[in-house]
Each structure stands twice: as structure tokens, then as C-alpha cells.
Amino acid sequence: MKLNESISTYDVAEALQGETGKFDVTSPNGEPYFVTCQPGHSIVSLEWAGSEPNLQPFLVRKVAQPITTEGRSKRSAAA
């Protein structure tokens, strides 16, 4: 995803597979989460824990990209 790009998805783990950076994720109930993705790491499982089926998608927006200096990756920085 590009910086500040937003998508809607029912499966956050699948949507962020292979991505790097920091993401602002809003649940169908409006609860905000930050998800940070790093190269070589993955989300194994992210399941809806609500009592009712998830009929609304999650909103995912990329808010920062990782900074690389001298071959080392540092914490994500917002643009």
C-alpha cells in the first residue's frame, strides 16, 4: 500500500500480508488499532471476537513507512 492509501477489508491479516509500515485500522464497531508490519514477519491469525458475525469491513490506512538507514531498518516514521 502507498502512504495514506485506505482500503476496506474483511480480513486484515490477508490485506496486510507482505506489507511494511504502520497502519491505522478501524474495526466495524469504530474501535481504532495501530498495526505495525515489518519485513520477514507476518500476522498468523487475527480473528473477529464479537458475538455476532462481522458483516462490516475493517478500514485500513497506511500512516507511516519504515525508515532504512545504512542497511538497517528503524521504527516507522510518519510522512
PDB file of N, CA and C in Angstrom:
ATOM      1  N   MET A   1       0.838  -1.181   0.000  1.00  0.00           N
ATOM      2  CA  MET A   1       0.000   0.000   0.000  1.00  0.00           C
ATOM      3  C   MET A   1       0.883   1.244   0.000  1.00  0.00           C
ATOM      4  N   LYS A   2       0.369   2.304  -0.594  1.00  0.00           N
ATOM      5  CA  LYS A   2       1.063   3.583  -0.579  1.00  0.00           C
ATOM      6  C   LYS A   2       0.693   4.350   0.687  1.00  0.00           C
ATOM      7  N   LEU A   3       1.568   5.276   1.075  1.00  0.00           N
ATOM      8  CA  LEU A   3       1.320   6.090   2.252  1.00  0.00           C
ATOM      9  C   LEU A   3       0.001   6.849   2.106  1.00  0.00           C
ATOM     10  N   ASN A   4      -0.811   6.844   3.140  1.00  0.00           N
ATOM     11  CA  ASN A   4      -2.138   7.477   3.211  1.00  0.00           C
ATOM     12  C   ASN A   4      -3.200   6.796   2.355  1.00  0.00           C
ATOM     13  N   GLU A   5      -2.881   5.681   1.736  1.00  0.00           N
ATOM     14  CA  GLU A   5      -3.875   4.914   0.984  1.00  0.00           C
ATOM     15  C   GLU A   5      -4.775   4.180   1.969  1.00  0.00           C
ATOM     16  N   SER A   6      -6.060   4.108   1.689  1.00  0.00           N
ATOM     17  CA  SER A   6      -7.024   3.411   2.541  1.00  0.00           C
ATOM     18  C   SER A   6      -7.710   2.304   1.761  1.00  0.00           C
ATOM     19  N   ILE A   7      -8.001   1.213   2.443  1.00  0.00           N
ATOM     20  CA  ILE A   7      -8.761   0.111   1.854  1.00  0.00           C
ATOM     21  C   ILE A   7      -9.783  -0.373   2.865  1.00  0.00           C
ATOM     22  N   SER A   8     -10.802  -1.058   2.388  1.00  0.00           N
ATOM     23  CA  SER A   8     -11.766  -1.744   3.245  1.00  0.00           C
ATOM     24  C   SER A   8     -11.541  -3.234   3.064  1.00  0.00           C
ATOM     25  N   THR A   9     -11.578  -3.995   4.166  1.00  0.00           N
ATOM     26  CA  THR A   9     -11.340  -5.433   4.069  1.00  0.00           C
ATOM     27  C   THR A   9     -12.052  -6.166   5.198  1.00  0.00           C
ATOM     28  N   TYR A  10     -12.408  -7.403   4.952  1.00  0.00           N
ATOM     29  CA  TYR A  10     -12.974  -8.257   5.985  1.00  0.00           C
ATOM     30  C   TYR A  10     -11.872  -9.063   6.672  1.00  0.00           C
ATOM     31  N   ASP A  11     -10.664  -9.109   6.062  1.00  0.00           N
ATOM     32  CA  ASP A  11      -9.549  -9.895   6.591  1.00  0.00           C
ATOM     33  C   ASP A  11      -8.301  -9.021   6.640  1.00  0.00           C
ATOM     34  N   VAL A  12      -8.026  -8.422   7.811  1.00  0.00           N
ATOM     35  CA  VAL A  12      -6.897  -7.508   7.975  1.00  0.00           C
ATOM     36  C   VAL A  12      -5.578  -8.240   7.743  1.00  0.00           C
ATOM     37  N   ALA A  13      -5.444  -9.453   8.262  1.00  0.00           N
ATOM     38  CA  ALA A  13      -4.199 -10.212   8.109  1.00  0.00           C
ATOM     39  C   ALA A  13      -3.887 -10.454   6.640  1.00  0.00           C
ATOM     40  N   GLU A  14      -4.876 -10.824   5.876  1.00  0.00           N
ATOM     41  CA  GLU A  14      -4.667 -11.065   4.441  1.00  0.00           C
ATOM     42  C   GLU A  14      -4.339  -9.761   3.716  1.00  0.00           C
ATOM     43  N   ALA A  15      -5.017  -8.682   4.065  1.00  0.00           N
ATOM     44  CA  ALA A  15      -4.800  -7.391   3.416  1.00  0.00           C
ATOM     45  C   ALA A  15      -3.395  -6.857   3.669  1.00  0.00           C
ATOM     46  N   LEU A  16      -2.825  -7.144   4.832  1.00  0.00           N
ATOM     47  CA  LEU A  16      -1.507  -6.627   5.185  1.00  0.00           C
ATOM     48  C   LEU A  16      -0.371  -7.615   4.931  1.00  0.00           C
ATOM     49  N   GLN A  17      -0.681  -8.758   4.348  1.00  0.00           N
ATOM     50  CA  GLN A  17       0.346  -9.748   4.040  1.00  0.00           C
ATOM     51  C   GLN A  17       1.388  -9.131   3.109  1.00  0.00           C
ATOM     52  N   GLY A  18       2.655  -9.190   3.500  1.00  0.00           N
ATOM     53  CA  GLY A  18       3.741  -8.669   2.680  1.00  0.00           C
ATOM     54  C   GLY A  18       3.946  -7.165   2.780  1.00  0.00           C
ATOM     55  N   GLU A  19       3.148  -6.481   3.584  1.00  0.00           N
ATOM     56  CA  GLU A  19       3.266  -5.025   3.740  1.00  0.00           C
ATOM     57  C   GLU A  19       4.284  -4.676   4.823  1.00  0.00           C
ATOM     58  N   THR A  20       4.803  -3.453   4.779  1.00  0.00           N
ATOM     59  CA  THR A  20       5.662  -2.926   5.833  1.00  0.00           C
ATOM     60  C   THR A  20       5.170  -1.538   6.193  1.00  0.00           C
ATOM     61  N   GLY A  21       5.381  -1.146   7.442  1.00  0.00           N
ATOM     62  CA  GLY A  21       4.975   0.182   7.886  1.00  0.00           C
ATOM     63  C   GLY A  21       3.956   0.112   9.007  1.00  0.00           C
ATOM     64  N   LYS A  22       3.396   1.265   9.318  1.00  0.00           N
ATOM     65  CA  LYS A  22       2.404   1.386  10.380  1.00  0.00           C
ATOM     66  C   LYS A  22       1.046   1.675   9.764  1.00  0.00           C
ATOM     67  N   PHE A  23       0.018   0.992  10.261  1.00  0.00           N
ATOM     68  CA  PHE A  23      -1.320   1.090   9.702  1.00  0.00           C
ATOM     69  C   PHE A  23      -2.328   1.443  10.782  1.00  0.00           C
ATOM     70  N   ASP A  24      -3.228   2.340  10.460  1.00  0.00           N
ATOM     71  CA  ASP A  24      -4.354   2.710  11.314  1.00  0.00           C
ATOM     72  C   ASP A  24      -5.513   1.827  10.878  1.00  0.00           C
ATOM     73  N   VAL A  25      -5.976   0.961  11.771  1.00  0.00           N
ATOM     74  CA  VAL A  25      -7.057   0.029  11.459  1.00  0.00           C
ATOM     75  C   VAL A  25      -8.265   0.390  12.316  1.00  0.00           C
ATOM     76  N   THR A  26      -9.408   0.555  11.681  1.00  0.00           N
ATOM     77  CA  THR A  26     -10.648   0.842  12.403  1.00  0.00           C
ATOM     78  C   THR A  26     -11.584  -0.343  12.240  1.00  0.00           C
ATOM     79  N   SER A  27     -12.032  -0.884  13.384  1.00  0.00           N
ATOM     80  CA  SER A  27     -12.912  -2.050  13.360  1.00  0.00           C
ATOM     81  C   SER A  27     -14.302  -1.638  12.897  1.00  0.00           C
ATOM     82  N   PRO A  28     -15.140  -2.611  12.553  1.00  0.00           N
ATOM     83  CA  PRO A  28     -16.522  -2.291  12.178  1.00  0.00           C
ATOM     84  C   PRO A  28     -17.281  -1.538  13.264  1.00  0.00           C
ATOM     85  N   ASN A  29     -16.874  -1.702  14.525  1.00  0.00           N
ATOM     86  CA  ASN A  29     -17.521  -1.006  15.645  1.00  0.00           C
ATOM     87  C   ASN A  29     -16.924   0.370  15.891  1.00  0.00           C
ATOM     88  N   GLY A  30     -15.924   0.760  15.096  1.00  0.00           N
ATOM     89  CA  GLY A  30     -15.297   2.063  15.257  1.00  0.00           C
ATOM     90  C   GLY A  30     -14.118   2.083  16.209  1.00  0.00           C
ATOM     91  N   GLU A  31     -13.675   0.931  16.682  1.00  0.00           N
ATOM     92  CA  GLU A  31     -12.531   0.864  17.584  1.00  0.00           C
ATOM     93  C   GLU A  31     -11.234   1.019  16.796  1.00  0.00           C
ATOM     94  N   PRO A  32     -10.343   1.952  17.200  1.00  0.00           N
ATOM     95  CA  PRO A  32      -9.096   2.169  16.477  1.00  0.00           C
ATOM     96  C   PRO A  32      -7.967   1.257  16.970  1.00  0.00           C
ATOM     97  N   TYR A  33      -7.142   0.791  16.048  1.00  0.00           N
ATOM     98  CA  TYR A  33      -5.968  -0.024  16.355  1.00  0.00           C
ATOM     99  C   TYR A  33      -4.819   0.458  15.487  1.00  0.00           C
ATOM    100  N   PHE A  34      -3.591   0.295  15.972  1.00  0.00           N
ATOM    101  CA  PHE A  34      -2.407   0.507  15.151  1.00  0.00           C
ATOM    102  C   PHE A  34      -1.763  -0.847  14.948  1.00  0.00           C
ATOM    103  N   VAL A  35      -1.423  -1.164  13.703  1.00  0.00           N
ATOM    104  CA  VAL A  35      -0.755  -2.409  13.361  1.00  0.00           C
ATOM    105  C   VAL A  35       0.554  -2.032  12.679  1.00  0.00           C
ATOM    106  N   THR A  36       1.667  -2.577  13.178  1.00  0.00           N
ATOM    107  CA  THR A  36       2.972  -2.339  12.577  1.00  0.00           C
ATOM    108  C   THR A  36       3.442  -3.620  11.910  1.00  0.00           C
ATOM    109  N   CYS A  37       3.818  -3.512  10.646  1.00  0.00           N
ATOM    110  CA  CYS A  37       4.289  -4.663   9.880  1.00  0.00           C
ATOM    111  C   CYS A  37       5.766  -4.470   9.552  1.00  0.00           C
ATOM    112  N   GLN A  38       6.562  -5.522   9.755  1.00  0.00           N
ATOM    113  CA  GLN A  38       7.976  -5.481   9.462  1.00  0.00           C
ATOM    114  C   GLN A  38       8.317  -6.554   8.437  1.00  0.00           C
ATOM    115  N   PRO A  39       9.354  -6.320   7.628  1.00  0.00           N
ATOM    116  CA  PRO A  39       9.775  -7.335   6.657  1.00  0.00           C
ATOM    117  C   PRO A  39      10.130  -8.647   7.357  1.00  0.00           C
ATOM    118  N   GLY A  40       9.724  -9.750   6.778  1.00  0.00           N
ATOM    119  CA  GLY A  40      10.045 -11.057   7.329  1.00  0.00           C
ATOM    120  C   GLY A  40       9.154 -11.494   8.473  1.00  0.00           C
ATOM    121  N   HIS A  41       8.175 -10.683   8.847  1.00  0.00           N
ATOM    122  CA  HIS A  41       7.240 -11.038   9.901  1.00  0.00           C
ATOM    123  C   HIS A  41       5.836 -11.098   9.311  1.00  0.00           C
ATOM    124  N   SER A  42       4.983 -11.866   9.935  1.00  0.00           N
ATOM    125  CA  SER A  42       3.619 -11.962   9.420  1.00  0.00           C
ATOM    126  C   SER A  42       2.626 -12.042  10.564  1.00  0.00           C
ATOM    127  N   ILE A  43       1.382 -11.767  10.234  1.00  0.00           N
ATOM    128  CA  ILE A  43       0.287 -11.953  11.183  1.00  0.00           C
ATOM    129  C   ILE A  43      -0.219 -13.369  10.951  1.00  0.00           C
ATOM    130  N   VAL A  44      -0.114 -14.215  11.953  1.00  0.00           N
ATOM    131  CA  VAL A  44      -0.533 -15.598  11.803  1.00  0.00           C
ATOM    132  C   VAL A  44      -2.046 -15.718  11.861  1.00  0.00           C
ATOM    133  N   SER A  45      -2.659 -15.002  12.804  1.00  0.00           N
ATOM    134  CA  SER A  45      -4.101 -15.102  12.963  1.00  0.00           C
ATOM    135  C   SER A  45      -4.639 -13.810  13.549  1.00  0.00           C
ATOM    136  N   LEU A  46      -5.723 -13.343  12.988  1.00  0.00           N
ATOM    137  CA  LEU A  46      -6.432 -12.185  13.500  1.00  0.00           C
ATOM    138  C   LEU A  46      -7.904 -12.481  13.286  1.00  0.00           C
ATOM    139  N   GLU A  47      -8.600 -12.812  14.360  1.00  0.00           N
ATOM    140  CA  GLU A  47      -9.977 -13.270  14.247  1.00  0.00           C
ATOM    141  C   GLU A  47     -10.942 -12.318  14.927  1.00  0.00           C
ATOM    142  N   TRP A  48     -12.136 -12.210  14.392  1.00  0.00           N
ATOM    143  CA  TRP A  48     -13.202 -11.411  14.975  1.00  0.00           C
ATOM    144  C   TRP A  48     -13.677 -12.112  16.235  1.00  0.00           C
ATOM    145  N   ALA A  49     -13.702 -11.398  17.366  1.00  0.00           N
ATOM    146  CA  ALA A  49     -14.090 -11.998  18.638  1.00  0.00           C
ATOM    147  C   ALA A  49     -15.486 -11.572  19.086  1.00  0.00           C
ATOM    148  N   GLY A  50     -16.181 -10.824  18.259  1.00  0.00           N
ATOM    149  CA  GLY A  50     -17.522 -10.381  18.616  1.00  0.00           C
ATOM    150  C   GLY A  50     -18.511 -11.530  18.648  1.00  0.00           C
ATOM    151  N   SER A  51     -19.626 -11.306  19.294  1.00  0.00           N
ATOM    152  CA  SER A  51     -20.632 -12.358  19.417  1.00  0.00           C
ATOM    153  C   SER A  51     -21.473 -12.518  18.152  1.00  0.00           C
ATOM    154  N   GLU A  52     -21.470 -11.504  17.308  1.00  0.00           N
ATOM    155  CA  GLU A  52     -22.235 -11.565  16.062  1.00  0.00           C
ATOM    156  C   GLU A  52     -21.282 -11.614  14.872  1.00  0.00           C
ATOM    157  N   PRO A  53     -21.747 -12.126  13.743  1.00  0.00           N
ATOM    158  CA  PRO A  53     -20.881 -12.192  12.566  1.00  0.00           C
ATOM    159  C   PRO A  53     -20.398 -10.799  12.142  1.00  0.00           C
ATOM    160  N   ASN A  54     -19.189 -10.752  11.594  1.00  0.00           N
ATOM    161  CA  ASN A  54     -18.609  -9.499  11.120  1.00  0.00           C
ATOM    162  C   ASN A  54     -19.180  -9.187   9.738  1.00  0.00           C
ATOM    163  N   LEU A  55     -20.208  -8.340   9.695  1.00  0.00           N
ATOM    164  CA  LEU A  55     -20.858  -8.012   8.432  1.00  0.00           C
ATOM    165  C   LEU A  55     -20.316  -6.733   7.809  1.00  0.00           C
ATOM    166  N   GLN A  56     -19.560  -5.956   8.575  1.00  0.00           N
ATOM    167  CA  GLN A  56     -18.976  -4.712   8.093  1.00  0.00           C
ATOM    168  C   GLN A  56     -17.471  -4.894   7.920  1.00  0.00           C
ATOM    169  N   PRO A  57     -16.869  -4.256   6.929  1.00  0.00           N
ATOM    170  CA  PRO A  57     -15.417  -4.393   6.744  1.00  0.00           C
ATOM    171  C   PRO A  57     -14.635  -3.506   7.710  1.00  0.00           C
ATOM    172  N   PHE A  58     -13.360  -3.841   7.875  1.00  0.00           N
ATOM    173  CA  PHE A  58     -12.411  -3.003   8.603  1.00  0.00           C
ATOM    174  C   PHE A  58     -11.893  -1.949   7.638  1.00  0.00           C
ATOM    175  N   LEU A  59     -11.561  -0.773   8.131  1.00  0.00           N
ATOM    176  CA  LEU A  59     -10.933   0.271   7.332  1.00  0.00           C
ATOM    177  C   LEU A  59      -9.456   0.281   7.699  1.00  0.00           C
ATOM    178  N   VAL A  60      -8.570   0.160   6.701  1.00  0.00           N
ATOM    179  CA  VAL A  60      -7.127   0.116   6.915  1.00  0.00           C
ATOM    180  C   VAL A  60      -6.498   1.261   6.143  1.00  0.00           C
ATOM    181  N   ARG A  61      -5.656   2.071   6.846  1.00  0.00           N
ATOM    182  CA  ARG A  61      -4.972   3.190   6.193  1.00  0.00           C
ATOM    183  C   ARG A  61      -3.505   3.159   6.593  1.00  0.00           C
ATOM    184  N   LYS A  62      -2.610   3.243   5.602  1.00  0.00           N
ATOM    185  CA  LYS A  62      -1.177   3.268   5.878  1.00  0.00           C
ATOM    186  C   LYS A  62      -0.808   4.668   6.336  1.00  0.00           C
ATOM    187  N   VAL A  63      -0.233   4.783   7.548  1.00  0.00           N
ATOM    188  CA  VAL A  63       0.076   6.089   8.113  1.00  0.00           C
ATOM    189  C   VAL A  63       1.572   6.364   8.202  1.00  0.00           C
ATOM    190  N   ALA A  64       2.429   5.342   8.029  1.00  0.00           N
ATOM    191  CA  ALA A  64       3.873   5.559   8.090  1.00  0.00           C
ATOM    192  C   ALA A  64       4.591   4.442   7.351  1.00  0.00           C
ATOM    193  N   GLN A  65       5.762   4.775   6.843  1.00  0.00           N
ATOM    194  CA  GLN A  65       6.607   3.795   6.179  1.00  0.00           C
ATOM    195  C   GLN A  65       7.851   3.581   7.029  1.00  0.00           C
ATOM    196  N   PRO A  66       8.458   2.393   6.936  1.00  0.00           N
ATOM    197  CA  PRO A  66       9.692   2.179   7.700  1.00  0.00           C
ATOM    198  C   PRO A  66      10.821   3.030   7.114  1.00  0.00           C
ATOM    199  N   ILE A  67      11.736   3.480   7.987  1.00  0.00           N
ATOM    200  CA  ILE A  67      12.895   4.249   7.556  1.00  0.00           C
ATOM    201  C   ILE A  67      14.086   3.302   7.527  1.00  0.00           C
ATOM    202  N   THR A  68      14.833   3.302   6.448  1.00  0.00           N
ATOM    203  CA  THR A  68      16.012   2.465   6.343  1.00  0.00           C
ATOM    204  C   THR A  68      17.236   3.353   6.262  1.00  0.00           C
ATOM    205  N   THR A  69      18.196   3.130   7.173  1.00  0.00           N
ATOM    206  CA  THR A  69      19.453   3.874   7.135  1.00  0.00           C
ATOM    207  C   THR A  69      20.607   2.899   7.240  1.00  0.00           C
ATOM    208  N   GLU A  70      21.539   2.996   6.328  1.00  0.00           N
ATOM    209  CA  GLU A  70      22.728   2.152   6.305  1.00  0.00           C
ATOM    210  C   GLU A  70      22.390   0.680   6.426  1.00  0.00           C
ATOM    211  N   GLY A  71      21.384   0.242   5.672  1.00  0.00           N
ATOM    212  CA  GLY A  71      21.033  -1.170   5.642  1.00  0.00           C
ATOM    213  C   GLY A  71      20.279  -1.675   6.856  1.00  0.00           C
ATOM    214  N   ARG A  72      19.973  -0.801   7.798  1.00  0.00           N
ATOM    215  CA  ARG A  72      19.219  -1.196   8.988  1.00  0.00           C
ATOM    216  C   ARG A  72      17.877  -0.496   8.976  1.00  0.00           C
ATOM    217  N   SER A  73      16.850  -1.227   9.347  1.00  0.00           N
ATOM    218  CA  SER A  73      15.512  -0.659   9.392  1.00  0.00           C
ATOM    219  C   SER A  73      15.252  -0.090  10.782  1.00  0.00           C
ATOM    220  N   LYS A  74      14.757   1.136  10.830  1.00  0.00           N
ATOM    221  CA  LYS A  74      14.401   1.771  12.107  1.00  0.00           C
ATOM    222  C   LYS A  74      12.897   1.806  12.245  1.00  0.00           C
ATOM    223  N   ARG A  75      12.423   2.357  13.336  1.00  0.00           N
ATOM    224  CA  ARG A  75      10.989   2.454  13.585  1.00  0.00           C
ATOM    225  C   ARG A  75      10.307   3.231  12.473  1.00  0.00           C
ATOM    226  N   SER A  76       9.031   3.007  12.310  1.00  0.00           N
ATOM    227  CA  SER A  76       8.252   3.695  11.288  1.00  0.00           C
ATOM    228  C   SER A  76       8.179   5.173  11.573  1.00  0.00           C
ATOM    229  N   ALA A  77       8.172   5.961  10.490  1.00  0.00           N
ATOM    230  CA  ALA A  77       8.071   7.410  10.631  1.00  0.00           C
ATOM    231  C   ALA A  77       6.935   7.895   9.744  1.00  0.00           C
ATOM    232  N   ALA A  78       6.129   8.770  10.278  1.00  0.00           N
ATOM    233  CA  ALA A  78       5.032   9.360   9.501  1.00  0.00           C
ATOM    234  C   ALA A  78       5.590  10.355   8.520  1.00  0.00           C
ATOM    235  N   ALA A  79       4.910  10.505   7.425  1.00  0.00           N
ATOM    236  CA  ALA A  79       5.355  11.458   6.410  1.00  0.00           C
ATOM    237  C   ALA A  79       4.773  12.825   6.684  1.00  0.00           C
TER     238      ALA A  79
END
